Amino acid sequence: MSEHTSETGDASEKPVRTRSFQKWRPRSVLSPEQTRRQSDVLRCAHQNLPRDTMVAFLNSYNQQLDGVPLQLALESDEGLRGVEKLLLDPNGRKEPEASVAVAK
């Protein structure tokens, strides 16, 4: 059966559109202030952490900050300063633990 005919074989019926294609849009758009803070926190993290650790740090809950660092930085300048302070203090930052398998 052709894709343009229905189960009854009536070719006069138009096919049903099941999907429309639209230009992709981000789900949420950051304000200019949030974009600036995001850029600042990413730059600071990139300068102070290895890439794998940086991604885990920014996207995981941090007890010292009582929140997710990237979200805190986006919310306010105070949150950004707290994250940057933690990143710049090598003694205060607790990096996510990597699980390493030891061969015996």
N, C-alpha and C. Protein backbone atom coordinates (compact mmCIF):
# COMPACT_ATOMS: atom_id res chain seq x y z
N MET A 1 0.85 -1.18 0.00
CA MET A 1 0.00 0.00 0.00
C MET A 1 0.90 1.24 0.00
N SER A 2 0.58 2.21 -0.81
CA SER A 2 1.38 3.43 -0.89
C SER A 2 1.14 4.28 0.35
N GLU A 3 2.10 5.15 0.63
CA GLU A 3 1.95 5.97 1.83
C GLU A 3 0.88 7.05 1.67
N HIS A 4 0.41 7.28 0.44
CA HIS A 4 -0.60 8.31 0.20
C HIS A 4 -2.03 7.76 0.18
N THR A 5 -2.17 6.47 0.35
CA THR A 5 -3.51 5.89 0.37
C THR A 5 -3.83 5.43 1.77
N SER A 6 -5.08 5.48 2.13
CA SER A 6 -5.50 5.03 3.45
C SER A 6 -5.71 3.53 3.42
N GLU A 7 -6.02 2.96 4.57
CA GLU A 7 -6.25 1.52 4.66
C GLU A 7 -7.40 1.08 3.77
N THR A 8 -8.34 1.95 3.52
CA THR A 8 -9.48 1.59 2.67
C THR A 8 -9.12 1.70 1.19
N GLY A 9 -7.96 2.24 0.89
CA GLY A 9 -7.52 2.34 -0.49
C GLY A 9 -7.97 3.61 -1.18
N ASP A 10 -8.58 4.53 -0.45
CA ASP A 10 -9.07 5.77 -1.04
C ASP A 10 -7.91 6.75 -1.20
N ALA A 11 -7.48 6.97 -2.42
CA ALA A 11 -6.34 7.84 -2.68
C ALA A 11 -6.70 9.31 -2.64
N SER A 12 -7.99 9.64 -2.55
CA SER A 12 -8.40 11.04 -2.54
C SER A 12 -8.16 11.70 -1.19
N GLU A 13 -7.97 10.90 -0.11
CA GLU A 13 -7.70 11.47 1.21
C GLU A 13 -6.26 11.96 1.27
N LYS A 14 -6.07 13.12 1.89
CA LYS A 14 -4.71 13.64 2.04
C LYS A 14 -4.02 12.92 3.19
N PRO A 15 -2.72 12.69 3.09
CA PRO A 15 -2.00 12.05 4.20
C PRO A 15 -1.99 12.96 5.42
N VAL A 16 -2.00 12.37 6.56
CA VAL A 16 -2.00 13.12 7.82
C VAL A 16 -0.58 13.53 8.15
N ARG A 17 -0.41 14.81 8.42
CA ARG A 17 0.92 15.29 8.84
C ARG A 17 1.13 14.92 10.29
N THR A 18 2.21 14.25 10.54
CA THR A 18 2.48 13.83 11.91
C THR A 18 3.56 14.65 12.57
N ARG A 19 4.36 15.34 11.78
CA ARG A 19 5.45 16.09 12.38
C ARG A 19 5.72 17.33 11.54
N SER A 20 5.87 18.44 12.21
CA SER A 20 6.24 19.66 11.50
C SER A 20 7.64 20.06 11.95
N PHE A 21 8.39 20.57 11.05
CA PHE A 21 9.75 20.97 11.36
C PHE A 21 9.78 22.46 11.60
N GLN A 22 10.39 22.82 12.72
CA GLN A 22 10.49 24.22 13.08
C GLN A 22 11.94 24.53 13.41
N LYS A 23 12.28 25.77 13.29
CA LYS A 23 13.61 26.20 13.65
C LYS A 23 13.83 25.93 15.14
N TRP A 24 14.98 25.37 15.47
CA TRP A 24 15.29 25.05 16.86
C TRP A 24 15.44 26.33 17.67
N ARG A 25 14.84 26.33 18.84
CA ARG A 25 14.96 27.44 19.79
C ARG A 25 15.32 26.88 21.15
N PRO A 26 16.22 27.54 21.86
CA PRO A 26 16.54 27.07 23.20
C PRO A 26 15.31 27.15 24.10
N ARG A 27 15.22 26.25 25.06
CA ARG A 27 14.06 26.24 25.95
C ARG A 27 13.98 27.49 26.82
N SER A 28 15.12 27.96 27.25
CA SER A 28 15.13 29.20 28.02
C SER A 28 16.27 30.07 27.51
N VAL A 29 16.03 31.34 27.51
CA VAL A 29 17.03 32.30 27.04
C VAL A 29 17.56 33.03 28.26
N LEU A 30 18.88 33.11 28.35
CA LEU A 30 19.50 33.79 29.49
C LEU A 30 19.47 35.30 29.27
N SER A 31 19.30 36.01 30.37
CA SER A 31 19.37 37.47 30.31
C SER A 31 20.84 37.86 30.08
N PRO A 32 21.09 39.11 29.68
CA PRO A 32 22.48 39.55 29.51
C PRO A 32 23.31 39.40 30.79
N GLU A 33 22.70 39.64 31.95
CA GLU A 33 23.42 39.50 33.21
C GLU A 33 23.78 38.02 33.46
N GLN A 34 22.83 37.14 33.19
CA GLN A 34 23.09 35.71 33.38
C GLN A 34 24.16 35.22 32.41
N THR A 35 24.14 35.71 31.19
CA THR A 35 25.15 35.34 30.21
C THR A 35 26.53 35.78 30.66
N ARG A 36 26.62 36.99 31.21
CA ARG A 36 27.90 37.49 31.72
C ARG A 36 28.40 36.64 32.88
N ARG A 37 27.50 36.31 33.81
CA ARG A 37 27.89 35.50 34.96
C ARG A 37 28.29 34.09 34.53
N GLN A 38 27.56 33.53 33.56
CA GLN A 38 27.90 32.20 33.06
C GLN A 38 29.30 32.22 32.45
N SER A 39 29.58 33.23 31.65
CA SER A 39 30.89 33.36 31.02
C SER A 39 31.99 33.48 32.08
N ASP A 40 31.75 34.29 33.10
CA ASP A 40 32.74 34.49 34.16
C ASP A 40 33.01 33.21 34.93
N VAL A 41 31.96 32.48 35.30
CA VAL A 41 32.17 31.26 36.09
C VAL A 41 32.83 30.18 35.24
N LEU A 42 32.48 30.09 33.98
CA LEU A 42 33.13 29.09 33.11
C LEU A 42 34.60 29.41 32.91
N ARG A 43 34.91 30.68 32.72
CA ARG A 43 36.31 31.08 32.56
C ARG A 43 37.11 30.76 33.82
N CYS A 44 36.57 31.09 34.97
CA CYS A 44 37.26 30.83 36.24
C CYS A 44 37.45 29.33 36.46
N ALA A 45 36.44 28.55 36.20
CA ALA A 45 36.53 27.10 36.37
C ALA A 45 37.53 26.51 35.39
N HIS A 46 37.53 26.99 34.16
CA HIS A 46 38.45 26.48 33.15
C HIS A 46 39.90 26.75 33.53
N GLN A 47 40.15 27.90 34.16
CA GLN A 47 41.50 28.28 34.55
C GLN A 47 41.99 27.53 35.79
N ASN A 48 41.07 27.01 36.59
CA ASN A 48 41.45 26.43 37.87
C ASN A 48 41.22 24.93 38.01
N LEU A 49 40.57 24.31 37.05
CA LEU A 49 40.26 22.88 37.15
C LEU A 49 40.53 22.18 35.82
N PRO A 50 40.90 20.89 35.89
CA PRO A 50 40.94 20.10 34.65
C PRO A 50 39.53 19.97 34.08
N ARG A 51 39.41 19.77 32.77
CA ARG A 51 38.12 19.77 32.09
C ARG A 51 37.10 18.82 32.70
N ASP A 52 37.47 17.56 32.91
CA ASP A 52 36.51 16.59 33.46
C ASP A 52 36.05 16.99 34.85
N THR A 53 36.97 17.47 35.66
CA THR A 53 36.63 17.91 37.01
C THR A 53 35.78 19.17 36.96
N MET A 54 36.07 20.05 36.01
CA MET A 54 35.33 21.30 35.88
C MET A 54 33.86 21.04 35.59
N VAL A 55 33.58 20.15 34.66
CA VAL A 55 32.20 19.84 34.29
C VAL A 55 31.46 19.23 35.49
N ALA A 56 32.12 18.28 36.17
CA ALA A 56 31.49 17.65 37.33
C ALA A 56 31.25 18.67 38.45
N PHE A 57 32.23 19.54 38.69
CA PHE A 57 32.09 20.54 39.75
C PHE A 57 30.94 21.49 39.47
N LEU A 58 30.86 22.01 38.26
CA LEU A 58 29.84 23.00 37.93
C LEU A 58 28.42 22.44 37.92
N ASN A 59 28.28 21.15 37.63
CA ASN A 59 26.94 20.57 37.47
C ASN A 59 26.50 19.67 38.61
N SER A 60 27.31 19.55 39.66
CA SER A 60 26.96 18.69 40.79
C SER A 60 26.69 19.54 42.04
N TYR A 61 25.86 19.01 42.92
CA TYR A 61 25.56 19.70 44.18
C TYR A 61 26.85 19.84 44.99
N ASN A 62 27.07 21.00 45.57
CA ASN A 62 28.24 21.25 46.40
C ASN A 62 27.77 21.63 47.80
N GLN A 63 28.21 20.87 48.80
CA GLN A 63 27.77 21.12 50.18
C GLN A 63 28.23 22.47 50.69
N GLN A 64 29.44 22.87 50.34
CA GLN A 64 29.96 24.14 50.83
C GLN A 64 29.14 25.32 50.32
N LEU A 65 28.64 25.20 49.10
CA LEU A 65 27.83 26.28 48.52
C LEU A 65 26.34 26.07 48.76
N ASP A 66 25.98 24.88 49.19
CA ASP A 66 24.58 24.49 49.39
C ASP A 66 23.77 24.67 48.10
N GLY A 67 24.35 24.18 47.01
CA GLY A 67 23.67 24.26 45.73
C GLY A 67 24.57 23.79 44.60
N VAL A 68 24.04 23.87 43.40
CA VAL A 68 24.80 23.53 42.20
C VAL A 68 25.54 24.79 41.75
N PRO A 69 26.87 24.76 41.67
CA PRO A 69 27.64 25.98 41.39
C PRO A 69 27.19 26.75 40.16
N LEU A 70 26.94 26.09 39.05
CA LEU A 70 26.54 26.81 37.84
C LEU A 70 25.21 27.52 38.03
N GLN A 71 24.26 26.87 38.68
CA GLN A 71 22.96 27.49 38.93
C GLN A 71 23.09 28.67 39.88
N LEU A 72 23.90 28.52 40.91
CA LEU A 72 24.10 29.62 41.86
C LEU A 72 24.72 30.83 41.16
N ALA A 73 25.70 30.58 40.29
CA ALA A 73 26.35 31.67 39.57
C ALA A 73 25.39 32.38 38.63
N LEU A 74 24.49 31.62 38.01
CA LEU A 74 23.52 32.23 37.10
C LEU A 74 22.49 33.08 37.83
N GLU A 75 22.15 32.69 39.06
CA GLU A 75 21.09 33.35 39.81
C GLU A 75 21.44 34.76 40.26
N SER A 76 22.71 34.97 40.70
CA SER A 76 23.05 36.29 41.24
C SER A 76 24.55 36.52 41.22
N ASP A 77 24.93 37.80 41.36
CA ASP A 77 26.35 38.14 41.46
C ASP A 77 26.94 37.57 42.75
N GLU A 78 26.13 37.53 43.81
CA GLU A 78 26.59 36.95 45.08
C GLU A 78 26.91 35.46 44.90
N GLY A 79 26.05 34.75 44.18
CA GLY A 79 26.30 33.34 43.90
C GLY A 79 27.55 33.15 43.08
N LEU A 80 27.76 34.01 42.09
CA LEU A 80 28.96 33.96 41.26
C LEU A 80 30.20 34.17 42.11
N ARG A 81 30.16 35.17 43.00
CA ARG A 81 31.32 35.43 43.86
C ARG A 81 31.62 34.23 44.77
N GLY A 82 30.59 33.58 45.28
CA GLY A 82 30.80 32.41 46.13
C GLY A 82 31.46 31.26 45.38
N VAL A 83 31.02 31.02 44.16
CA VAL A 83 31.60 29.95 43.35
C VAL A 83 33.04 30.30 42.99
N GLU A 84 33.28 31.54 42.58
CA GLU A 84 34.65 31.95 42.23
C GLU A 84 35.58 31.86 43.43
N LYS A 85 35.09 32.25 44.59
CA LYS A 85 35.90 32.17 45.81
C LYS A 85 36.30 30.72 46.08
N LEU A 86 35.36 29.82 45.93
CA LEU A 86 35.64 28.40 46.15
C LEU A 86 36.63 27.87 45.11
N LEU A 87 36.49 28.30 43.87
CA LEU A 87 37.40 27.86 42.81
C LEU A 87 38.81 28.39 43.01
N LEU A 88 38.93 29.61 43.53
CA LEU A 88 40.24 30.22 43.70
C LEU A 88 40.94 29.78 44.98
N ASP A 89 40.22 29.16 45.91
CA ASP A 89 40.80 28.68 47.17
C ASP A 89 41.06 27.18 47.05
N PRO A 90 42.31 26.79 46.72
CA PRO A 90 42.59 25.37 46.52
C PRO A 90 42.39 24.51 47.77
N ASN A 91 42.47 25.12 48.95
CA ASN A 91 42.27 24.36 50.19
C ASN A 91 40.79 24.18 50.52
N GLY A 92 39.93 25.06 50.03
CA GLY A 92 38.52 25.01 50.36
C GLY A 92 37.71 24.13 49.42
N ARG A 93 38.22 23.92 48.22
CA ARG A 93 37.46 23.19 47.21
C ARG A 93 37.68 21.69 47.37
N LYS A 94 36.61 20.98 47.41
CA LYS A 94 36.67 19.53 47.44
C LYS A 94 36.22 19.03 46.08
N GLU A 95 37.16 18.52 45.30
CA GLU A 95 36.85 18.07 43.96
C GLU A 95 36.08 16.75 44.02
N PRO A 96 35.22 16.52 43.05
CA PRO A 96 34.49 15.24 43.02
C PRO A 96 35.47 14.08 42.97
N GLU A 97 35.17 13.06 43.74
CA GLU A 97 36.05 11.90 43.78
C GLU A 97 35.88 11.06 42.54
N ALA A 98 37.00 10.65 41.97
CA ALA A 98 36.95 9.77 40.81
C ALA A 98 37.10 8.32 41.31
N SER A 99 36.26 7.45 40.80
CA SER A 99 36.38 6.06 41.20
C SER A 99 37.43 5.41 40.33
N VAL A 100 38.43 4.83 40.97
CA VAL A 100 39.52 4.20 40.26
C VAL A 100 39.54 2.73 40.66
N ALA A 101 39.51 1.89 39.65
CA ALA A 101 39.58 0.45 39.91
C ALA A 101 41.05 0.06 40.04
N VAL A 102 41.36 -0.66 41.09
CA VAL A 102 42.74 -1.09 41.33
C VAL A 102 42.85 -2.55 40.94
N ALA A 103 43.78 -2.82 40.02
CA ALA A 103 43.98 -4.21 39.58
C ALA A 103 44.82 -4.94 40.60
N LYS A 104 44.42 -6.15 40.96
CA LYS A 104 45.19 -6.94 41.92
C LYS A 104 45.75 -8.15 41.27
